[in-house]
PDB file of N, CA and C in Angstrom:
ATOM      1  N   UNK A   1       0.896  -1.097   0.106  1.00  0.00           N
ATOM      2  CA  UNK A   1      -0.087  -0.001   0.029  1.00  0.00           C
ATOM      3  C   UNK A   1       0.877   1.327   0.024  1.00  0.00           C
ATOM      4  N   UNK A   2       0.397   2.298  -0.393  1.00  0.00           N
ATOM      5  CA  UNK A   2       1.105   3.636  -0.567  1.00  0.00           C
ATOM      6  C   UNK A   2       1.430   4.007   0.788  1.00  0.00           C
ATOM      7  N   UNK A   3       2.103   5.234   0.856  1.00  0.00           N
ATOM      8  CA  UNK A   3       2.608   5.741   2.061  1.00  0.00           C
ATOM      9  C   UNK A   3       1.649   5.781   3.206  1.00  0.00           C
ATOM     10  N   UNK A   4       1.780   5.229   4.346  1.00  0.00           N
ATOM     11  CA  UNK A   4       0.878   5.226   5.441  1.00  0.00           C
ATOM     12  C   UNK A   4       0.232   6.648   5.778  1.00  0.00           C
ATOM     13  N   UNK A   5       1.260   7.649   5.608  1.00  0.00           N
ATOM     14  CA  UNK A   5       0.764   8.994   6.151  1.00  0.00           C
ATOM     15  C   UNK A   5       0.268   9.759   5.095  1.00  0.00           C
ATOM     16  N   UNK A   6      -0.037   9.231   3.755  1.00  0.00           N
ATOM     17  CA  UNK A   6      -0.580   9.789   2.779  1.00  0.00           C
ATOM     18  C   UNK A   6      -2.114   9.412   2.372  1.00  0.00           C
ATOM     19  N   UNK A   7      -3.001   9.827   3.367  1.00  0.00           N
ATOM     20  CA  UNK A   7      -4.371   9.221   3.377  1.00  0.00           C
ATOM     21  C   UNK A   7      -5.211  10.366   2.750  1.00  0.00           C
ATOM     22  N   UNK A   8      -6.235  10.000   1.815  1.00  0.00           N
ATOM     23  CA  UNK A   8      -7.075  10.859   1.336  1.00  0.00           C
ATOM     24  C   UNK A   8      -8.111  11.148   2.363  1.00  0.00           C
ATOM     25  N   UNK A   9      -8.457  12.344   2.737  1.00  0.00           N
ATOM     26  CA  UNK A   9      -9.294  12.557   3.911  1.00  0.00           C
ATOM     27  C   UNK A   9     -10.646  13.357   3.638  1.00  0.00           C
ATOM     28  N   UNK A  10     -10.655  13.652   2.341  1.00  0.00           N
ATOM     29  CA  UNK A  10     -11.882  14.561   1.845  1.00  0.00           C
ATOM     30  C   UNK A  10     -12.150  14.406   0.427  1.00  0.00           C
ATOM     31  N   UNK A  11     -13.178  14.857   0.005  1.00  0.00           N
ATOM     32  CA  UNK A  11     -13.652  14.574  -1.369  1.00  0.00           C
ATOM     33  C   UNK A  11     -12.765  15.343  -2.418  1.00  0.00           C
ATOM     34  N   UNK A  12     -12.403  16.538  -2.017  1.00  0.00           N
ATOM     35  CA  UNK A  12     -11.552  17.389  -2.860  1.00  0.00           C
ATOM     36  C   UNK A  12     -10.201  16.593  -3.132  1.00  0.00           C
ATOM     37  N   UNK A  13      -9.715  15.945  -2.097  1.00  0.00           N
ATOM     38  CA  UNK A  13      -8.425  15.197  -2.291  1.00  0.00           C
ATOM     39  C   UNK A  13      -8.756  14.173  -3.184  1.00  0.00           C
ATOM     40  N   UNK A  14      -9.881  13.395  -2.904  1.00  0.00           N
ATOM     41  CA  UNK A  14     -10.230  12.401  -3.759  1.00  0.00           C
ATOM     42  C   UNK A  14     -10.429  12.626  -5.340  1.00  0.00           C
ATOM     43  N   UNK A  15     -11.036  13.726  -5.455  1.00  0.00           N
ATOM     44  CA  UNK A  15     -11.175  14.297  -6.812  1.00  0.00           C
ATOM     45  C   UNK A  15      -9.904  14.581  -7.517  1.00  0.00           C
ATOM     46  N   UNK A  16      -8.956  15.230  -6.889  1.00  0.00           N
ATOM     47  CA  UNK A  16      -7.611  15.506  -7.389  1.00  0.00           C
ATOM     48  C   UNK A  16      -6.919  14.197  -7.637  1.00  0.00           C
ATOM     49  N   UNK A  17      -6.918  13.323  -6.799  1.00  0.00           N
ATOM     50  CA  UNK A  17      -6.188  11.869  -7.196  1.00  0.00           C
ATOM     51  C   UNK A  17      -6.960  11.194  -8.528  1.00  0.00           C
ATOM     52  N   UNK A  18      -8.366  11.340  -8.559  1.00  0.00           N
ATOM     53  CA  UNK A  18      -9.030  10.727  -9.651  1.00  0.00           C
ATOM     54  C   UNK A  18      -8.695  11.545 -10.963  1.00  0.00           C
ATOM     55  N   UNK A  19      -8.484  12.878 -10.811  1.00  0.00           N
ATOM     56  CA  UNK A  19      -8.108  13.513 -12.154  1.00  0.00           C
ATOM     57  C   UNK A  19      -6.730  13.210 -12.537  1.00  0.00           C
ATOM     58  N   UNK A  20      -5.919  13.150 -11.529  1.00  0.00           N
ATOM     59  CA  UNK A  20      -4.489  12.787 -11.853  1.00  0.00           C
ATOM     60  C   UNK A  20      -4.492  11.394 -12.686  1.00  0.00           C
ATOM     61  N   UNK A  21      -5.279  10.431 -12.265  1.00  0.00           N
ATOM     62  CA  UNK A  21      -5.394   9.282 -12.786  1.00  0.00           C
ATOM     63  C   UNK A  21      -6.062   9.167 -14.251  1.00  0.00           C
ATOM     64  N   UNK A  22      -7.134  10.098 -14.339  1.00  0.00           N
ATOM     65  CA  UNK A  22      -7.831  10.097 -15.705  1.00  0.00           C
ATOM     66  C   UNK A  22      -6.973  10.920 -16.627  1.00  0.00           C
ATOM     67  N   UNK A  23      -6.036  11.733 -16.223  1.00  0.00           N
ATOM     68  CA  UNK A  23      -5.221  12.655 -17.228  1.00  0.00           C
ATOM     69  C   UNK A  23      -3.792  11.782 -17.396  1.00  0.00           C
ATOM     70  N   UNK A  24      -3.838  10.749 -16.863  1.00  0.00           N
ATOM     71  CA  UNK A  24      -2.397   9.927 -16.864  1.00  0.00           C
ATOM     72  C   UNK A  24      -1.238  10.847 -16.264  1.00  0.00           C
ATOM     73  N   UNK A  25      -1.462  11.483 -15.301  1.00  0.00           N
ATOM     74  CA  UNK A  25      -0.270  12.304 -14.743  1.00  0.00           C
ATOM     75  C   UNK A  25       0.519  11.424 -13.816  1.00  0.00           C
ATOM     76  N   UNK A  26      -0.005  10.148 -13.525  1.00  0.00           N
ATOM     77  CA  UNK A  26       0.897   9.327 -12.732  1.00  0.00           C
ATOM     78  C   UNK A  26       1.666   8.213 -13.455  1.00  0.00           C
ATOM     79  N   UNK A  27       1.814   8.441 -14.727  1.00  0.00           N
ATOM     80  CA  UNK A  27       2.518   7.390 -15.628  1.00  0.00           C
ATOM     81  C   UNK A  27       2.308   6.034 -15.403  1.00  0.00           C
ATOM     82  N   UNK A  28       1.082   5.686 -15.198  1.00  0.00           N
ATOM     83  CA  UNK A  28       0.642   4.311 -15.034  1.00  0.00           C
ATOM     84  C   UNK A  28       0.355   3.591 -16.290  1.00  0.00           C
ATOM     85  N   UNK A  29       0.598   2.340 -16.435  1.00  0.00           N
ATOM     86  CA  UNK A  29       0.298   1.607 -17.733  1.00  0.00           C
ATOM     87  C   UNK A  29      -0.797   0.814 -17.778  1.00  0.00           C
ATOM     88  N   UNK A  30      -1.541   0.753 -18.797  1.00  0.00           N
ATOM     89  CA  UNK A  30      -2.848  -0.202 -18.803  1.00  0.00           C
ATOM     90  C   UNK A  30      -4.014   0.028 -17.627  1.00  0.00           C
ATOM     91  N   UNK A  31      -4.003   1.316 -17.375  1.00  0.00           N
ATOM     92  CA  UNK A  31      -5.152   1.738 -16.393  1.00  0.00           C
ATOM     93  C   UNK A  31      -6.409   1.402 -17.043  1.00  0.00           C
ATOM     94  N   UNK A  32      -7.176   0.511 -16.320  1.00  0.00           N
ATOM     95  CA  UNK A  32      -8.620   0.159 -16.826  1.00  0.00           C
ATOM     96  C   UNK A  32      -9.756   0.679 -15.875  1.00  0.00           C
ATOM     97  N   UNK A  33      -9.454   0.958 -14.578  1.00  0.00           N
ATOM     98  CA  UNK A  33     -10.523   1.516 -13.757  1.00  0.00           C
ATOM     99  C   UNK A  33      -9.949   1.810 -12.391  1.00  0.00           C
ATOM    100  N   UNK A  34     -10.880   2.386 -11.526  1.00  0.00           N
ATOM    101  CA  UNK A  34     -10.681   2.887 -10.134  1.00  0.00           C
ATOM    102  C   UNK A  34     -11.662   2.153  -9.225  1.00  0.00           C
ATOM    103  N   UNK A  35     -11.279   1.711  -8.262  1.00  0.00           N
ATOM    104  CA  UNK A  35     -12.329   1.097  -7.167  1.00  0.00           C
ATOM    105  C   UNK A  35     -11.982   1.458  -5.832  1.00  0.00           C
ATOM    106  N   UNK A  36     -13.118   1.433  -5.009  1.00  0.00           N
ATOM    107  CA  UNK A  36     -12.891   1.630  -3.704  1.00  0.00           C
ATOM    108  C   UNK A  36     -13.012   0.118  -2.997  1.00  0.00           C
ATOM    109  N   UNK A  37     -12.128  -0.303  -2.151  1.00  0.00           N
ATOM    110  CA  UNK A  37     -12.122  -1.660  -1.399  1.00  0.00           C
ATOM    111  C   UNK A  37     -11.786  -1.526  -0.021  1.00  0.00           C
ATOM    112  N   UNK A  38     -11.743  -2.468   0.631  1.00  0.00           N
ATOM    113  CA  UNK A  38     -11.632  -2.670   2.086  1.00  0.00           C
ATOM    114  C   UNK A  38     -10.405  -3.599   2.168  1.00  0.00           C
ATOM    115  N   UNK A  39      -9.418  -3.456   3.020  1.00  0.00           N
ATOM    116  CA  UNK A  39      -8.369  -4.201   3.246  1.00  0.00           C
ATOM    117  C   UNK A  39      -8.867  -5.491   3.991  1.00  0.00           C
ATOM    118  N   UNK A  40      -8.634  -6.669   3.692  1.00  0.00           N
ATOM    119  CA  UNK A  40      -9.241  -7.867   4.405  1.00  0.00           C
ATOM    120  C   UNK A  40      -8.433  -8.049   5.657  1.00  0.00           C
ATOM    121  N   UNK A  41      -7.236  -7.571   5.765  1.00  0.00           N
ATOM    122  CA  UNK A  41      -6.457  -7.900   7.116  1.00  0.00           C
ATOM    123  C   UNK A  41      -6.767  -7.019   8.125  1.00  0.00           C
ATOM    124  N   UNK A  42      -7.229  -5.663   8.021  1.00  0.00           N
ATOM    125  CA  UNK A  42      -7.402  -4.755   9.065  1.00  0.00           C
ATOM    126  C   UNK A  42      -8.583  -3.918   8.852  1.00  0.00           C
ATOM    127  N   UNK A  43      -9.370  -4.135   7.807  1.00  0.00           N
ATOM    128  CA  UNK A  43     -10.630  -3.348   7.463  1.00  0.00           C
ATOM    129  C   UNK A  43     -10.417  -1.679   6.922  1.00  0.00           C
ATOM    130  N   UNK A  44      -9.269  -1.494   6.760  1.00  0.00           N
ATOM    131  CA  UNK A  44      -9.115  -0.158   6.278  1.00  0.00           C
ATOM    132  C   UNK A  44      -9.449   0.081   4.821  1.00  0.00           C
ATOM    133  N   UNK A  45      -9.989   1.196   4.551  1.00  0.00           N
ATOM    134  CA  UNK A  45     -10.656   1.544   3.305  1.00  0.00           C
ATOM    135  C   UNK A  45      -9.537   2.057   2.471  1.00  0.00           C
ATOM    136  N   UNK A  46      -9.524   1.781   1.187  1.00  0.00           N
ATOM    137  CA  UNK A  46      -8.474   2.369   0.178  1.00  0.00           C
ATOM    138  C   UNK A  46      -9.138   2.537  -1.254  1.00  0.00           C
ATOM    139  N   UNK A  47      -8.603   3.322  -2.065  1.00  0.00           N
ATOM    140  CA  UNK A  47      -9.048   3.631  -3.479  1.00  0.00           C
ATOM    141  C   UNK A  47      -7.804   3.001  -4.331  1.00  0.00           C
ATOM    142  N   UNK A  48      -8.293   2.245  -5.237  1.00  0.00           N
ATOM    143  CA  UNK A  48      -7.235   1.279  -6.090  1.00  0.00           C
ATOM    144  C   UNK A  48      -7.454   1.620  -7.522  1.00  0.00           C
ATOM    145  N   UNK A  49      -6.207   1.685  -8.231  1.00  0.00           N
ATOM    146  CA  UNK A  49      -6.245   2.019  -9.615  1.00  0.00           C
ATOM    147  C   UNK A  49      -5.725   0.534 -10.160  1.00  0.00           C
ATOM    148  N   UNK A  50      -6.753   0.015 -11.000  1.00  0.00           N
ATOM    149  CA  UNK A  50      -6.435  -1.211 -11.574  1.00  0.00           C
ATOM    150  C   UNK A  50      -6.157  -1.273 -13.057  1.00  0.00           C
ATOM    151  N   UNK A  51      -5.416  -2.225 -13.371  1.00  0.00           N
ATOM    152  CA  UNK A  51      -5.306  -2.476 -14.860  1.00  0.00           C
ATOM    153  C   UNK A  51      -6.057  -3.448 -15.598  1.00  0.00           C
ATOM    154  N   UNK A  52      -5.997  -3.495 -16.812  1.00  0.00           N
ATOM    155  CA  UNK A  52      -7.019  -4.293 -17.593  1.00  0.00           C
ATOM    156  C   UNK A  52      -7.142  -5.684 -17.200  1.00  0.00           C
ATOM    157  N   UNK A  53      -6.159  -6.246 -16.397  1.00  0.00           N
ATOM    158  CA  UNK A  53      -6.240  -7.682 -15.688  1.00  0.00           C
ATOM    159  C   UNK A  53      -6.841  -7.652 -14.226  1.00  0.00           C
ATOM    160  N   UNK A  54      -7.308  -6.425 -14.020  1.00  0.00           N
ATOM    161  CA  UNK A  54      -7.683  -6.244 -12.383  1.00  0.00           C
ATOM    162  C   UNK A  54      -6.646  -6.371 -11.394  1.00  0.00           C
ATOM    163  N   UNK A  55      -5.337  -6.012 -11.864  1.00  0.00           N
ATOM    164  CA  UNK A  55      -4.204  -6.097 -10.967  1.00  0.00           C
ATOM    165  C   UNK A  55      -4.020  -4.533 -10.369  1.00  0.00           C
ATOM    166  N   UNK A  56      -3.545  -4.543  -9.261  1.00  0.00           N
ATOM    167  CA  UNK A  56      -3.432  -3.150  -8.464  1.00  0.00           C
ATOM    168  C   UNK A  56      -2.198  -2.537  -9.088  1.00  0.00           C
ATOM    169  N   UNK A  57      -2.453  -1.306  -9.713  1.00  0.00           N
ATOM    170  CA  UNK A  57      -1.211  -0.474  -9.976  1.00  0.00           C
ATOM    171  C   UNK A  57      -0.885   0.502  -9.004  1.00  0.00           C
ATOM    172  N   UNK A  58      -1.939   1.070  -8.203  1.00  0.00           N
ATOM    173  CA  UNK A  58      -1.543   2.117  -7.258  1.00  0.00           C
ATOM    174  C   UNK A  58      -2.746   2.214  -6.491  1.00  0.00           C
ATOM    175  N   UNK A  59      -2.423   2.490  -5.038  1.00  0.00           N
ATOM    176  CA  UNK A  59      -3.578   2.696  -3.973  1.00  0.00           C
ATOM    177  C   UNK A  59      -3.252   3.693  -3.272  1.00  0.00           C
ATOM    178  N   UNK A  60      -4.357   4.369  -2.595  1.00  0.00           N
ATOM    179  CA  UNK A  60      -4.278   5.091  -1.537  1.00  0.00           C
ATOM    180  C   UNK A  60      -5.227   4.849  -0.445  1.00  0.00           C
ATOM    181  N   UNK A  61      -4.773   5.136   0.782  1.00  0.00           N
ATOM    182  CA  UNK A  61      -5.693   4.930   1.947  1.00  0.00           C
ATOM    183  C   UNK A  61      -6.751   5.997   2.044  1.00  0.00           C
ATOM    184  N   UNK A  62      -7.963   5.834   2.376  1.00  0.00           N
ATOM    185  CA  UNK A  62      -8.917   6.912   2.306  1.00  0.00           C
ATOM    186  C   UNK A  62      -9.700   6.579   3.727  1.00  0.00           C
ATOM    187  N   UNK A  63     -10.251   7.640   4.258  1.00  0.00           N
ATOM    188  CA  UNK A  63     -11.007   7.641   5.449  1.00  0.00           C
ATOM    189  C   UNK A  63     -12.349   7.031   5.215  1.00  0.00           C
ATOM    190  N   UNK A  64     -13.011   6.538   6.247  1.00  0.00           N
ATOM    191  CA  UNK A  64     -14.402   5.996   6.082  1.00  0.00           C
ATOM    192  C   UNK A  64     -15.371   6.919   5.516  1.00  0.00           C
ATOM    193  N   UNK A  65     -15.175   8.113   5.936  1.00  0.00           N
ATOM    194  CA  UNK A  65     -16.095   9.291   5.362  1.00  0.00           C
ATOM    195  C   UNK A  65     -15.921   9.365   3.951  1.00  0.00           C
ATOM    196  N   UNK A  66     -14.739   9.350   3.409  1.00  0.00           N
ATOM    197  CA  UNK A  66     -14.469   9.344   2.032  1.00  0.00           C
ATOM    198  C   UNK A  66     -14.987   8.278   1.229  1.00  0.00           C
ATOM    199  N   UNK A  67     -14.841   6.979   1.969  1.00  0.00           N
ATOM    200  CA  UNK A  67     -15.307   5.802   1.365  1.00  0.00           C
ATOM    201  C   UNK A  67     -16.887   5.775   1.130  1.00  0.00           C
ATOM    202  N   UNK A  68     -17.615   6.401   2.207  1.00  0.00           N
ATOM    203  CA  UNK A  68     -19.022   6.427   2.243  1.00  0.00           C
ATOM    204  C   UNK A  68     -19.599   7.588   1.238  1.00  0.00           C
ATOM    205  N   UNK A  69     -18.789   8.525   1.121  1.00  0.00           N
ATOM    206  CA  UNK A  69     -19.434   9.792   0.368  1.00  0.00           C
ATOM    207  C   UNK A  69     -18.853   9.937  -1.050  1.00  0.00           C
ATOM    208  N   UNK A  70     -17.799   9.149  -1.245  1.00  0.00           N
ATOM    209  CA  UNK A  70     -16.923   9.372  -2.501  1.00  0.00           C
ATOM    210  C   UNK A  70     -17.353   8.242  -3.487  1.00  0.00           C
ATOM    211  N   UNK A  71     -18.167   7.254  -3.375  1.00  0.00           N
ATOM    212  CA  UNK A  71     -18.488   6.222  -4.168  1.00  0.00           C
ATOM    213  C   UNK A  71     -18.929   6.599  -5.602  1.00  0.00           C
ATOM    214  N   UNK A  72     -19.972   7.673  -5.505  1.00  0.00           N
ATOM    215  CA  UNK A  72     -20.275   8.082  -6.806  1.00  0.00           C
ATOM    216  C   UNK A  72     -19.168   8.827  -7.761  1.00  0.00           C
ATOM    217  N   UNK A  73     -18.387   9.451  -7.161  1.00  0.00           N
ATOM    218  CA  UNK A  73     -17.245  10.186  -7.758  1.00  0.00           C
ATOM    219  C   UNK A  73     -16.444   9.160  -8.425  1.00  0.00           C
ATOM    220  N   UNK A  74     -16.058   7.995  -7.785  1.00  0.00           N
ATOM    221  CA  UNK A  74     -15.356   7.007  -8.208  1.00  0.00           C
ATOM    222  C   UNK A  74     -16.003   6.122  -9.319  1.00  0.00           C
ATOM    223  N   UNK A  75     -17.215   5.896  -9.180  1.00  0.00           N
ATOM    224  CA  UNK A  75     -17.942   5.240  -9.996  1.00  0.00           C
ATOM    225  C   UNK A  75     -18.325   5.907 -11.239  1.00  0.00           C
ATOM    226  N   UNK A  76     -18.411   7.113 -11.257  1.00  0.00           N
ATOM    227  CA  UNK A  76     -18.828   8.123 -12.486  1.00  0.00           C
ATOM    228  C   UNK A  76     -17.644   8.724 -13.109  1.00  0.00           C
ATOM    229  N   UNK A  77     -16.536   8.967 -12.310  1.00  0.00           N
ATOM    230  CA  UNK A  77     -15.498   9.796 -12.758  1.00  0.00           C
ATOM    231  C   UNK A  77     -15.683  11.150 -12.385  1.00  0.00           C
ATOM    232  N   UNK A  78     -14.726  12.040 -12.689  1.00  0.00           N
ATOM    233  CA  UNK A  78     -14.852  13.424 -12.422  1.00  0.00           C
ATOM    234  C   UNK A  78     -15.476  14.425 -13.430  1.00  0.00           C
ATOM    235  N   UNK A  79     -15.255  13.817 -14.723  1.00  0.00           N
ATOM    236  CA  UNK A  79     -15.773  14.582 -15.864  1.00  0.00           C
ATOM    237  C   UNK A  79     -15.078  15.951 -16.010  1.00  0.00           C
ATOM    238  N   UNK A  80     -13.598  16.003 -15.623  1.00  0.00           N
ATOM    239  CA  UNK A  80     -12.902  17.051 -15.559  1.00  0.00           C
ATOM    240  C   UNK A  80     -11.486  16.770 -16.477  1.00  0.00           C
ATOM    241  N   UNK A  81     -11.658  16.142 -17.545  1.00  0.00           N
ATOM    242  CA  UNK A  81     -10.422  15.962 -18.233  1.00  0.00           C
ATOM    243  C   UNK A  81      -9.934  17.249 -18.844  1.00  0.00           C
ATOM    244  N   UNK A  82      -8.669  17.582 -18.352  1.00  0.00           N
ATOM    245  CA  UNK A  82      -8.112  18.617 -18.883  1.00  0.00           C
ATOM    246  C   UNK A  82      -7.119  18.565 -20.055  1.00  0.00           C
ATOM    247  N   UNK A  83      -7.615  18.306 -21.207  1.00  0.00           N
ATOM    248  CA  UNK A  83      -6.562  17.984 -22.270  1.00  0.00           C
ATOM    249  C   UNK A  83      -6.623  19.016 -23.271  1.00  0.00           C
TER     250      UNK A  83
END
């Protein structure tokens, strides 16, 4: 998992992260989607960037509040492509 201290704590931070993924600012290969998930070991929530084979490319921890309120943003995208 990504840096333990680098936690997304609000919807603005989540949107910024998603825009970075959408605009390919993170230099990831074969990005196919983004999902929210729960760590099976400790129950912590995270947002995951997945490749076309559903393999984890990048993840960031998120707060429970972001998990609950940011699901539509992750599901529908930001609609903010800046190309």
